[in-house]
Structure formats: C-alpha cells, structure tokens
Amino acid sequence: MAEIRPFRAYRPKKGLEQRIAALPYDVYNREEAKIEVTREPLSFLSIDRAETQCGDDVDIYADCVYEKASKLLWDRVQDGSFVQEEIPVYYIYELVMDARSQTGITACAGVDDYLNQVIKKHENTRADKEADRIRHVDACGAQTGPIFLAYRSQPAINAVVEQYKAGEPLYDFVSPDGVAHRVWVIDRPDDVALIRSTFSGVGEIYIADGHHRCASAVKVSEKRRLENPDFTGEEEFNFFLSVLFPDDQLMIMDYNRVVKDLNDLTKEDFLGKIGESFQIEELQTGMDGRPERKGTFGMYLDGNWYRLTAKKEILSKDPVKGLDVSILQDHLLGPVLGIRDPKTDKRIDFVGGIRGMQELVRRVSEDCRVAFAMYPTSIGELFAVADAGLLMPPKSTWFEPKLRSGLFIHSLR
C-alpha cells in the first residue's frame, strides 16, 4: 500500500509565488532558459537551470553549475524569498487551463513504493537525462520539481479537497501562459490523518509525467542510503516530491509525429503501401485533420489532409500493441517509412498537441514531408500498460497543463 505523507515544504513567500513559479526545466533549451530568467530574475528556472547564471562558455553539466544552483536556492531561503511550513501538511494544487480544472494533492511519496512497484512507470528513462537531475538534487539537498502522479479517484480525499477549496487560497495567480494556479494548505490533524490513511489503502499509483525526475530522486535516495547504512526509513531522502491527481480529472493530449521524407517512395507508392493496412480518405479543403476516435489518424501530405483508419486485422487487444502510437509505428512508420527506432532516428520528430494542427502544417511546409495527427492515449490505457508491467512506446502521452517548479520544495536536509 502507498505511503503518501505530509511534509514541511519550503515555498515562496506570499506575494512572490507568481514571480518564482516556473515551467519544468526540460521544456527549455539553453537560450530559451536564459531569455526567461532575464525576463524574470526570480524565476525558479534560475535554480533549476543554473547555467543561466554562468557565461555561455561554461558547460551546462560543469560542477560549478550545480554548486551555483545550491547556493542560489539556500541564499533565497536565507533572504526570506522562501519560507518553511512549521508542521507537516498536505497542499491542494489546482491548475485551470482553457476553463478545465484539475486538482491534486502535493505530498511526498515513498521511494520504497517505487522500488516495489506500488508506484508504477509506463516508460523507460535515459541515463544521461537522469544523471543531470541526480547531480542537481544531490547538490541542492532538495527536490525542486514535483513528479506528476495519478491514482484512481477516492471519494474521501475528494470530500476533504472540496471543503478546503471553499475557503481562501494561499496562492492564486495566473502564469504568463494563461494557466491559473491555486494552492490551499491542509493542516487540520484529522484531515491530514484521513488523507494519509486513505492513500495507504490505494494499491496502485502511476507516474503520469516526470519519469526522469522520479528515477533521479530514487537514485539519490539509494546513494544516501549507502552513505548512511543505519538509516531508519524515516529520513527525508526516502521520499520524493509529488503532486497526485485523481484519474477522473486528467486529460492526456495528442502527441503527434512529423517525418522528414517518404523513405525514397513516390507519393503514389507511399499511399499504395499504407493502403494495405489503413483505409485512406482525402478530406475536403478546410477540414481539420484531427482524428475523432481511437484507431484513426490524420495525415498531412502535399498540402492535403487525409484520414487513415486502421483496418480490423491490424487492431490488437494487447495493452501496448493496441495503442494508436503502436499501430502507427508497427504498420506505417516502421515498415513503410523505415523508422525502426523512433527514439534515435533523426528523420522523425514529435509535436505536443498543445501546439495544435497548425504546427503540423507549418512543419510540413518548412522542414518535413508528412505529418501524422494522433488520437490521444487515454488514462485508462496508461493504467493498463503499467498494470501489465509493460512500457509504452516513446512519446505516447502529452500532459497539460504543466506543474510549476518552485512552488513546493522538499528538503533532504
């Protein structure tokens, strides 16, 4: 059963939350990060991406970058930019985007639950991406970016959340991308105990987003356990910062594909080959290529949108092979376009659904030959894959809105 416990977060001093809260470190390249920190010097990105405080000639993985991150964090604690909760509490974190709300519980999840697969993953991680966050967490002695977790909705937790949301929030602001953020503190002992006991009865929790941050937090914990062989399991390094959302409030967006060329095929030969596995319908001018149901795909080629519908014989009830991303990969991208490994093939790129269909049209007009619009993977499909102990193909899910870093910091000290 899951150990989801309250904690004494460091959080922005009231009035600074809007300036400090930042998108996750990995949505920016180096130039974009530097521009954002120049725009807002208090942005937590200056800590999450401390190379922004160094010259362009400094390697982003240099020791001094991680040392700078730690100094910035704890200097801001000392100067009062961050305050620490007096007692362990839970936090309610609501995000509203395009009039759609999702509300989660900010807490600390157990490393042992991850190791024992109570907290389940659905994708693999890359060692190089892990290494960066391992060094960042270890140097700072703190987890600064929350892991996005999902669980099957619990009426008891929902009732407590709604009670607190009827009151005045601790934070209430709109970020530059138009997303509203609200935070409440759950501090009444009975409510804290109820939430903790309810989570203890939840058998499965799922990583929705943040696999690399989660794996890095676990690696730091394992390192500190080796350094402290008499650890009890209660030390802060045995837990990692998370926001847990009920499944009925989550929306996964499409994660679309663009490909550089047709693998030396003519347009006619290309359409002929995909016609073996998909029904092809050319859409009328002005129609949106966004698919309306599972098993269908939008395709943009030579200025026209097409609807591809998977033929019955290529559908599967297997949790992974039945995913739309797998159907496209196994029956079109691989055999027709020659993209055997989408993780490494430079001919394919991925476009988050937040950018809309117009981004696929733009990419095909500028640097690609064909685009594929996907029907979103469902949260139920994600759960099914994780429950089966399987992994999704790369770039299967795109979650919006993104959790902000800097609103909650979990100290390992």
Protein backbone atom coordinates (compact mmCIF):
# COMPACT_ATOMS: atom_id res chain seq x y z
CA MET A 1 0.00 0.00 0.00
CA ALA A 2 1.13 3.53 -0.72
CA GLU A 3 2.91 5.78 1.78
CA ILE A 4 1.93 9.33 0.77
CA ARG A 5 2.87 11.61 3.61
CA PRO A 6 2.66 15.31 4.51
CA PHE A 7 5.83 17.38 4.67
CA ARG A 8 7.25 20.74 5.65
CA ALA A 9 7.71 22.37 2.28
CA TYR A 10 9.82 25.38 1.54
CA ARG A 11 7.54 27.59 -0.54
CA PRO A 12 7.56 31.15 -1.90
CA LYS A 13 6.95 33.99 0.49
CA LYS A 14 3.42 35.27 -0.02
CA GLY A 15 3.49 37.76 -2.88
CA LEU A 16 6.45 36.18 -4.68
CA GLU A 17 4.73 33.00 -5.88
CA GLN A 18 3.87 34.32 -9.33
CA ARG A 19 7.41 35.53 -9.94
CA ILE A 20 9.07 32.35 -8.66
CA ALA A 21 6.85 29.63 -10.20
CA ALA A 22 8.42 28.25 -13.39
CA LEU A 23 7.70 25.69 -16.05
CA PRO A 24 9.73 22.44 -15.76
CA TYR A 25 13.42 22.74 -16.54
CA ASP A 26 13.25 20.41 -19.55
CA VAL A 27 10.78 22.40 -21.64
CA TYR A 28 13.51 24.98 -22.41
CA ASN A 29 16.74 24.83 -24.35
CA ARG A 30 19.69 26.84 -23.04
CA GLU A 31 18.92 30.00 -25.00
CA GLU A 32 15.22 29.93 -24.07
CA ALA A 33 16.06 29.39 -20.40
CA LYS A 34 18.39 32.38 -20.38
CA ILE A 35 15.75 34.60 -22.00
CA GLU A 36 13.17 33.55 -19.41
CA VAL A 37 15.49 34.23 -16.47
CA THR A 38 16.38 37.62 -17.93
CA ARG A 39 12.66 38.39 -18.14
CA GLU A 40 12.09 37.31 -14.53
CA PRO A 41 15.24 37.04 -12.38
CA LEU A 42 13.31 35.41 -9.51
CA SER A 43 12.07 32.61 -11.75
CA PHE A 44 12.89 29.23 -10.25
CA LEU A 45 14.40 28.39 -13.62
CA SER A 46 17.49 30.27 -12.43
CA ILE A 47 17.95 27.44 -9.90
CA ASP A 48 16.64 24.55 -11.99
CA ARG A 49 18.86 25.66 -14.88
CA ALA A 50 21.71 27.40 -13.07
CA GLU A 51 23.82 27.60 -16.22
CA THR A 52 21.69 30.69 -16.92
CA GLN A 53 23.77 32.37 -14.21
CA CYS A 54 27.05 31.46 -15.93
CA GLY A 55 28.78 32.51 -19.12
CA ASP A 56 27.88 30.81 -22.38
CA ASP A 57 31.31 29.18 -22.40
CA VAL A 58 30.50 27.18 -19.23
CA ASP A 59 29.39 23.61 -19.87
CA ILE A 60 25.83 23.11 -18.59
CA TYR A 61 26.98 19.97 -16.75
CA ALA A 62 30.03 21.54 -15.10
CA ASP A 63 30.39 21.10 -11.34
CA CYS A 64 30.13 24.85 -10.82
CA VAL A 65 26.62 24.86 -12.34
CA TYR A 66 25.28 22.50 -9.66
CA GLU A 67 27.16 24.36 -6.95
CA LYS A 68 25.57 27.59 -8.19
CA ALA A 69 22.11 26.01 -8.07
CA SER A 70 22.59 25.01 -4.43
CA LYS A 71 23.92 28.42 -3.43
CA LEU A 72 21.05 30.24 -5.14
CA LEU A 73 18.43 28.02 -3.50
CA TRP A 74 19.69 28.32 0.04
CA ASP A 75 20.57 32.02 -0.34
CA ARG A 76 16.93 32.63 -1.23
CA VAL A 77 15.84 30.65 1.79
CA GLN A 78 18.13 32.81 3.94
CA ASP A 79 16.89 36.09 2.45
CA GLY A 80 13.27 35.14 3.09
CA SER A 81 12.18 34.54 -0.52
CA PHE A 82 11.16 31.06 0.63
CA VAL A 83 9.55 30.13 3.93
CA GLN A 84 9.18 26.71 5.52
CA GLU A 85 5.95 25.27 6.86
CA GLU A 86 6.01 24.89 10.65
CA ILE A 87 4.38 21.45 10.66
CA PRO A 88 3.99 18.67 8.05
CA VAL A 89 0.97 19.38 5.86
CA TYR A 90 -0.56 18.44 2.54
CA TYR A 91 -1.17 21.05 -0.15
CA ILE A 92 -4.03 21.25 -2.62
CA TYR A 93 -2.76 22.37 -6.02
CA GLU A 94 -5.34 23.34 -8.63
CA LEU A 95 -4.49 24.21 -12.23
CA VAL A 96 -7.05 25.65 -14.64
CA MET A 97 -6.38 25.78 -18.39
CA ASP A 98 -8.98 26.67 -21.00
CA ALA A 99 -11.71 26.55 -18.32
CA ARG A 100 -10.80 22.94 -17.41
CA SER A 101 -9.69 22.34 -13.81
CA GLN A 102 -7.57 19.57 -12.30
CA THR A 103 -6.78 19.43 -8.61
CA GLY A 104 -4.08 17.36 -6.95
CA ILE A 105 -2.52 16.71 -3.55
CA THR A 106 1.08 17.84 -3.11
CA ALA A 107 2.88 15.41 -0.82
CA CYS A 108 5.90 13.15 -0.52
CA ALA A 109 5.75 9.65 -1.97
CA GLY A 110 7.86 6.73 -0.77
CA VAL A 111 10.97 5.59 -2.61
CA ASP A 112 10.25 2.03 -1.46
CA ASP A 113 6.84 2.18 -3.13
CA TYR A 114 8.61 2.98 -6.40
CA LEU A 115 11.12 0.18 -5.91
CA ASN A 116 8.33 -2.27 -5.02
CA GLN A 117 6.21 -1.13 -8.00
CA VAL A 118 3.33 0.21 -5.96
CA ILE A 119 4.20 3.41 -7.85
CA LYS A 120 4.26 2.21 -11.44
CA LYS A 121 6.02 3.57 -14.50
CA HIS A 122 5.00 3.30 -18.14
CA GLU A 123 8.17 4.40 -19.92
CA ASN A 124 11.92 3.90 -19.72
CA THR A 125 14.39 6.62 -18.78
CA ARG A 126 17.68 7.69 -20.33
CA ALA A 127 20.82 7.55 -18.20
CA ASP A 128 22.13 10.89 -19.46
CA LYS A 129 18.93 12.73 -18.53
CA GLU A 130 18.87 11.01 -15.15
CA ALA A 131 22.46 11.99 -14.41
CA ASP A 132 21.76 15.71 -14.66
CA ARG A 133 18.88 15.66 -12.17
CA ILE A 134 20.73 13.27 -9.84
CA ARG A 135 23.53 15.80 -9.57
CA HIS A 136 21.06 18.69 -9.18
CA VAL A 137 19.07 17.04 -6.37
CA ASP A 138 22.21 15.80 -4.63
CA ALA A 139 23.98 19.18 -4.80
CA CYS A 140 20.94 21.15 -3.66
CA GLY A 141 19.96 18.67 -0.98
CA ALA A 142 16.40 19.18 -2.19
CA GLN A 143 13.86 18.06 -4.76
CA THR A 144 12.63 21.10 -6.63
CA GLY A 145 10.41 19.71 -9.40
CA PRO A 146 7.36 17.62 -8.44
CA ILE A 147 6.58 14.24 -10.01
CA PHE A 148 3.15 14.11 -11.67
CA LEU A 149 1.39 11.04 -10.22
CA ALA A 150 -2.11 9.67 -10.88
CA TYR A 151 -4.38 7.43 -8.83
CA ARG A 152 -7.91 6.10 -9.06
CA SER A 153 -10.23 8.72 -7.59
CA GLN A 154 -11.01 8.38 -3.87
CA PRO A 155 -14.29 9.95 -2.60
CA ALA A 156 -12.86 10.51 0.89
CA ILE A 157 -9.97 12.59 -0.45
CA ASN A 158 -12.25 14.42 -2.87
CA ALA A 159 -14.51 15.48 0.00
CA VAL A 160 -11.64 16.96 2.01
CA VAL A 161 -10.32 18.78 -1.05
CA GLU A 162 -13.70 20.35 -1.79
CA GLN A 163 -14.03 21.58 1.81
CA TYR A 164 -10.72 23.41 1.66
CA LYS A 165 -11.32 24.78 -1.82
CA ALA A 166 -14.38 26.56 -0.47
CA GLY A 167 -12.00 28.71 1.59
CA GLU A 168 -9.43 31.36 0.74
CA PRO A 169 -6.40 30.00 -1.17
CA LEU A 170 -2.83 30.56 -0.04
CA TYR A 171 -1.77 31.33 -3.61
CA ASP A 172 -3.96 32.43 -6.53
CA PHE A 173 -2.32 33.67 -9.72
CA VAL A 174 -2.25 33.28 -13.48
CA SER A 175 1.07 32.40 -15.14
CA PRO A 176 2.21 34.05 -18.39
CA ASP A 177 0.83 31.14 -20.45
CA GLY A 178 -2.68 31.80 -19.14
CA VAL A 179 -2.86 28.87 -16.70
CA ALA A 180 -4.43 29.67 -13.32
CA HIS A 181 -2.74 28.24 -10.21
CA ARG A 182 -4.31 27.99 -6.76
CA VAL A 183 -2.90 26.44 -3.59
CA TRP A 184 -4.55 25.62 -0.25
CA VAL A 185 -2.92 24.15 2.87
CA ILE A 186 -4.44 21.04 4.50
CA ASP A 187 -3.30 21.39 8.10
CA ARG A 188 -6.14 20.17 10.34
CA PRO A 189 -4.86 17.00 12.05
CA ASP A 190 -8.00 14.95 11.36
CA ASP A 191 -7.89 15.83 7.67
CA VAL A 192 -4.17 15.07 7.41
CA ALA A 193 -4.75 11.69 9.07
CA LEU A 194 -7.69 10.88 6.79
CA ILE A 195 -5.75 11.62 3.62
CA ARG A 196 -2.75 9.64 4.77
CA SER A 197 -4.86 6.62 5.76
CA THR A 198 -6.88 6.75 2.52
CA PHE A 199 -3.74 6.71 0.40
CA SER A 200 -2.44 3.81 2.48
CA GLY A 201 -5.33 1.79 1.08
CA VAL A 202 -4.55 2.64 -2.54
CA GLY A 203 -2.83 -0.30 -4.19
CA GLU A 204 -1.56 1.35 -7.36
CA ILE A 205 -0.25 4.82 -8.13
CA TYR A 206 1.05 5.75 -11.57
CA ILE A 207 3.73 8.09 -12.88
CA ALA A 208 1.92 10.24 -15.41
CA ASP A 209 4.78 12.64 -16.17
CA GLY A 210 8.26 13.10 -14.75
CA HIS A 211 9.81 9.64 -15.11
CA HIS A 212 13.34 11.09 -15.19
CA ARG A 213 12.79 13.29 -12.13
CA CYS A 214 11.36 10.30 -10.28
CA ALA A 215 14.17 7.93 -11.24
CA SER A 216 16.73 10.59 -10.28
CA ALA A 217 15.14 11.13 -6.86
CA VAL A 218 15.25 7.38 -6.26
CA LYS A 219 18.91 7.17 -7.30
CA VAL A 220 19.82 9.96 -4.87
CA SER A 221 17.94 8.12 -2.13
CA GLU A 222 19.83 4.91 -2.86
CA LYS A 223 23.12 6.84 -2.78
CA ARG A 224 22.28 8.36 0.60
CA ARG A 225 21.20 5.03 1.99
CA LEU A 226 24.63 3.66 1.15
CA GLU A 227 26.22 6.68 2.81
CA ASN A 228 24.01 6.19 5.90
CA PRO A 229 23.82 2.41 6.49
CA ASP A 230 21.93 2.93 9.75
CA PHE A 231 19.08 4.77 8.04
CA THR A 232 15.63 4.14 9.54
CA GLY A 233 13.44 4.80 6.52
CA GLU A 234 12.03 7.98 8.05
CA GLU A 235 14.76 10.28 6.69
CA GLU A 236 13.60 12.78 4.10
CA PHE A 237 15.78 11.21 1.41
CA ASN A 238 13.47 8.17 1.48
CA PHE A 239 10.65 10.25 -0.05
CA PHE A 240 10.20 12.33 -3.18
CA LEU A 241 8.14 15.41 -4.03
CA SER A 242 4.92 14.63 -5.91
CA VAL A 243 1.55 16.00 -6.92
CA LEU A 244 -1.09 13.27 -7.06
CA PHE A 245 -4.18 13.71 -9.25
CA PRO A 246 -7.34 11.58 -9.38
CA ASP A 247 -7.72 9.86 -12.73
CA ASP A 248 -11.12 11.38 -13.50
CA GLN A 249 -9.64 14.89 -13.63
CA LEU A 250 -6.77 14.22 -16.02
CA MET A 251 -6.60 14.85 -19.73
CA ILE A 252 -3.88 13.46 -21.98
CA MET A 253 -3.31 15.41 -25.18
CA ASP A 254 -2.23 14.05 -28.53
CA TYR A 255 1.48 13.60 -29.20
CA ASN A 256 1.91 13.96 -32.94
CA ARG A 257 4.60 12.89 -35.42
CA VAL A 258 6.34 14.61 -38.33
CA VAL A 259 8.70 12.83 -40.72
CA LYS A 260 11.41 14.36 -42.92
CA ASP A 261 10.91 12.25 -46.07
CA LEU A 262 8.94 9.38 -47.64
CA ASN A 263 11.82 6.88 -47.48
CA ASP A 264 12.58 7.32 -51.22
CA LEU A 265 8.99 6.46 -52.16
CA THR A 266 6.89 8.42 -54.61
CA LYS A 267 3.65 9.80 -53.23
CA GLU A 268 1.70 7.18 -55.18
CA ASP A 269 3.83 4.29 -53.92
CA PHE A 270 3.63 5.64 -50.36
CA LEU A 271 -0.17 5.82 -50.45
CA GLY A 272 -0.31 2.37 -52.01
CA LYS A 273 1.76 0.82 -49.24
CA ILE A 274 -0.16 2.40 -46.38
CA GLY A 275 -3.40 1.38 -48.08
CA GLU A 276 -2.53 -2.23 -47.27
CA SER A 277 -3.15 -1.60 -43.56
CA PHE A 278 -5.26 1.58 -43.48
CA GLN A 279 -8.32 2.88 -45.26
CA ILE A 280 -7.42 6.26 -46.79
CA GLU A 281 -9.85 9.13 -47.23
CA GLU A 282 -8.79 12.52 -48.60
CA LEU A 283 -10.53 15.27 -46.64
CA GLN A 284 -12.18 18.29 -48.19
CA THR A 285 -10.26 21.56 -48.26
CA GLY A 286 -10.58 23.36 -44.96
CA MET A 287 -11.35 20.26 -42.90
CA ASP A 288 -9.33 19.72 -39.74
CA GLY A 289 -7.18 16.59 -39.75
CA ARG A 290 -7.59 15.97 -36.02
CA PRO A 291 -8.81 12.37 -35.51
CA GLU A 292 -12.12 11.99 -33.69
CA ARG A 293 -11.79 8.44 -32.36
CA LYS A 294 -9.30 5.73 -31.49
CA GLY A 295 -7.90 3.82 -34.46
CA THR A 296 -7.95 6.82 -36.78
CA PHE A 297 -5.12 9.15 -37.75
CA GLY A 298 -4.84 12.47 -39.52
CA MET A 299 -2.15 12.66 -42.21
CA TYR A 300 -0.96 15.88 -43.84
CA LEU A 301 0.83 15.41 -47.15
CA ASP A 302 1.43 17.80 -50.07
CA GLY A 303 -1.00 20.41 -48.78
CA ASN A 304 -3.88 18.00 -48.11
CA TRP A 305 -5.29 16.29 -45.02
CA TYR A 306 -6.19 12.61 -45.14
CA ARG A 307 -7.99 10.38 -42.65
CA LEU A 308 -6.36 6.99 -42.09
CA THR A 309 -8.47 4.29 -40.43
CA ALA A 310 -6.73 1.17 -39.19
CA LYS A 311 -8.11 -1.98 -40.79
CA LYS A 312 -9.58 -4.56 -38.44
CA GLU A 313 -6.79 -7.07 -38.97
CA ILE A 314 -4.10 -4.80 -37.50
CA LEU A 315 -6.00 -3.94 -34.33
CA SER A 316 -4.96 -5.63 -31.09
CA LYS A 317 -6.26 -6.10 -27.56
CA ASP A 318 -2.71 -6.17 -26.20
CA PRO A 319 -2.20 -3.17 -23.83
CA VAL A 320 0.81 -1.93 -25.83
CA LYS A 321 0.23 -3.20 -29.36
CA GLY A 322 -3.32 -1.88 -29.23
CA LEU A 323 -2.22 1.72 -28.59
CA ASP A 324 -2.64 4.06 -31.54
CA VAL A 325 1.01 5.07 -31.25
CA SER A 326 1.97 1.39 -31.60
CA ILE A 327 -0.37 0.80 -34.54
CA LEU A 328 1.14 3.74 -36.42
CA GLN A 329 4.69 2.66 -35.57
CA ASP A 330 4.23 -1.06 -36.30
CA HIS A 331 2.24 -0.73 -39.50
CA LEU A 332 3.37 2.55 -41.09
CA LEU A 333 6.34 4.35 -39.60
CA GLY A 334 8.44 1.17 -39.36
CA PRO A 335 7.57 -0.95 -42.42
CA VAL A 336 6.73 1.87 -44.84
CA LEU A 337 8.92 4.80 -43.79
CA GLY A 338 11.80 2.73 -42.39
CA ILE A 339 11.76 4.34 -38.94
CA ARG A 340 12.70 1.33 -36.81
CA ASP A 341 13.67 3.15 -33.63
CA PRO A 342 11.78 6.43 -33.13
CA LYS A 343 13.95 7.21 -30.08
CA THR A 344 17.09 7.57 -32.18
CA ASP A 345 16.01 8.10 -35.80
CA LYS A 346 16.74 11.70 -36.83
CA ARG A 347 14.10 11.59 -39.57
CA ILE A 348 11.21 11.75 -37.11
CA ASP A 349 10.21 14.49 -34.68
CA PHE A 350 7.38 14.79 -32.15
CA VAL A 351 4.97 17.68 -31.67
CA GLY A 352 2.92 18.10 -28.49
CA GLY A 353 -0.80 18.53 -29.00
CA ILE A 354 -0.75 21.88 -27.22
CA ARG A 355 0.67 23.32 -30.45
CA GLY A 356 -2.39 22.35 -32.50
CA MET A 357 -2.85 21.09 -36.04
CA GLN A 358 -1.41 24.29 -37.49
CA GLU A 359 2.02 23.33 -36.17
CA LEU A 360 1.93 20.12 -38.20
CA VAL A 361 1.04 22.10 -41.31
CA ARG A 362 3.88 24.52 -40.60
CA ARG A 363 6.44 21.75 -40.12
CA VAL A 364 5.48 20.05 -43.38
CA SER A 365 5.74 23.36 -45.20
CA GLU A 366 9.19 24.09 -43.74
CA ASP A 367 11.30 21.02 -42.95
CA CYS A 368 9.23 17.82 -43.15
CA ARG A 369 7.34 15.87 -45.81
CA VAL A 370 4.48 14.26 -43.91
CA ALA A 371 2.74 14.69 -40.55
CA PHE A 372 0.53 12.39 -38.51
CA ALA A 373 -2.10 13.67 -36.05
CA MET A 374 -2.81 11.19 -33.25
CA TYR A 375 -5.88 10.45 -31.18
CA PRO A 376 -4.80 10.93 -27.54
CA THR A 377 -3.81 7.97 -25.41
CA SER A 378 -6.33 7.60 -22.57
CA ILE A 379 -5.54 7.49 -18.86
CA GLY A 380 -7.14 4.04 -18.82
CA GLU A 381 -4.69 2.83 -21.46
CA LEU A 382 -1.80 4.25 -19.43
CA PHE A 383 -3.01 2.37 -16.33
CA ALA A 384 -3.45 -0.86 -18.30
CA VAL A 385 0.09 -0.75 -19.66
CA ALA A 386 1.60 -0.01 -16.25
CA ASP A 387 -0.53 -2.68 -14.53
CA ALA A 388 0.72 -5.24 -17.04
CA GLY A 389 4.31 -4.30 -16.21
CA LEU A 390 4.84 -3.12 -19.78
CA LEU A 391 6.19 0.08 -21.31
CA MET A 392 4.65 2.46 -23.80
CA PRO A 393 6.43 3.47 -27.00
CA PRO A 394 8.30 6.79 -26.70
CA LYS A 395 6.27 10.00 -26.88
CA SER A 396 2.92 8.34 -26.20
CA THR A 397 1.45 10.93 -23.81
CA TRP A 398 1.45 14.71 -23.51
CA PHE A 399 0.02 16.16 -20.30
CA GLU A 400 -1.20 19.72 -19.95
CA PRO A 401 -1.09 21.92 -18.01
CA LYS A 402 2.46 21.51 -16.73
CA LEU A 403 3.15 21.55 -13.00
CA ARG A 404 5.22 24.52 -11.87
CA SER A 405 8.57 24.18 -10.16
CA GLY A 406 9.43 26.37 -7.19
CA LEU A 407 6.00 26.38 -5.52
CA PHE A 408 6.97 23.44 -3.30
CA ILE A 409 10.49 22.34 -2.36
CA HIS A 410 11.22 19.16 -0.47
CA SER A 411 14.42 19.48 1.55
CA LEU A 412 16.52 16.37 2.10
CA ARG A 413 18.50 18.07 4.85
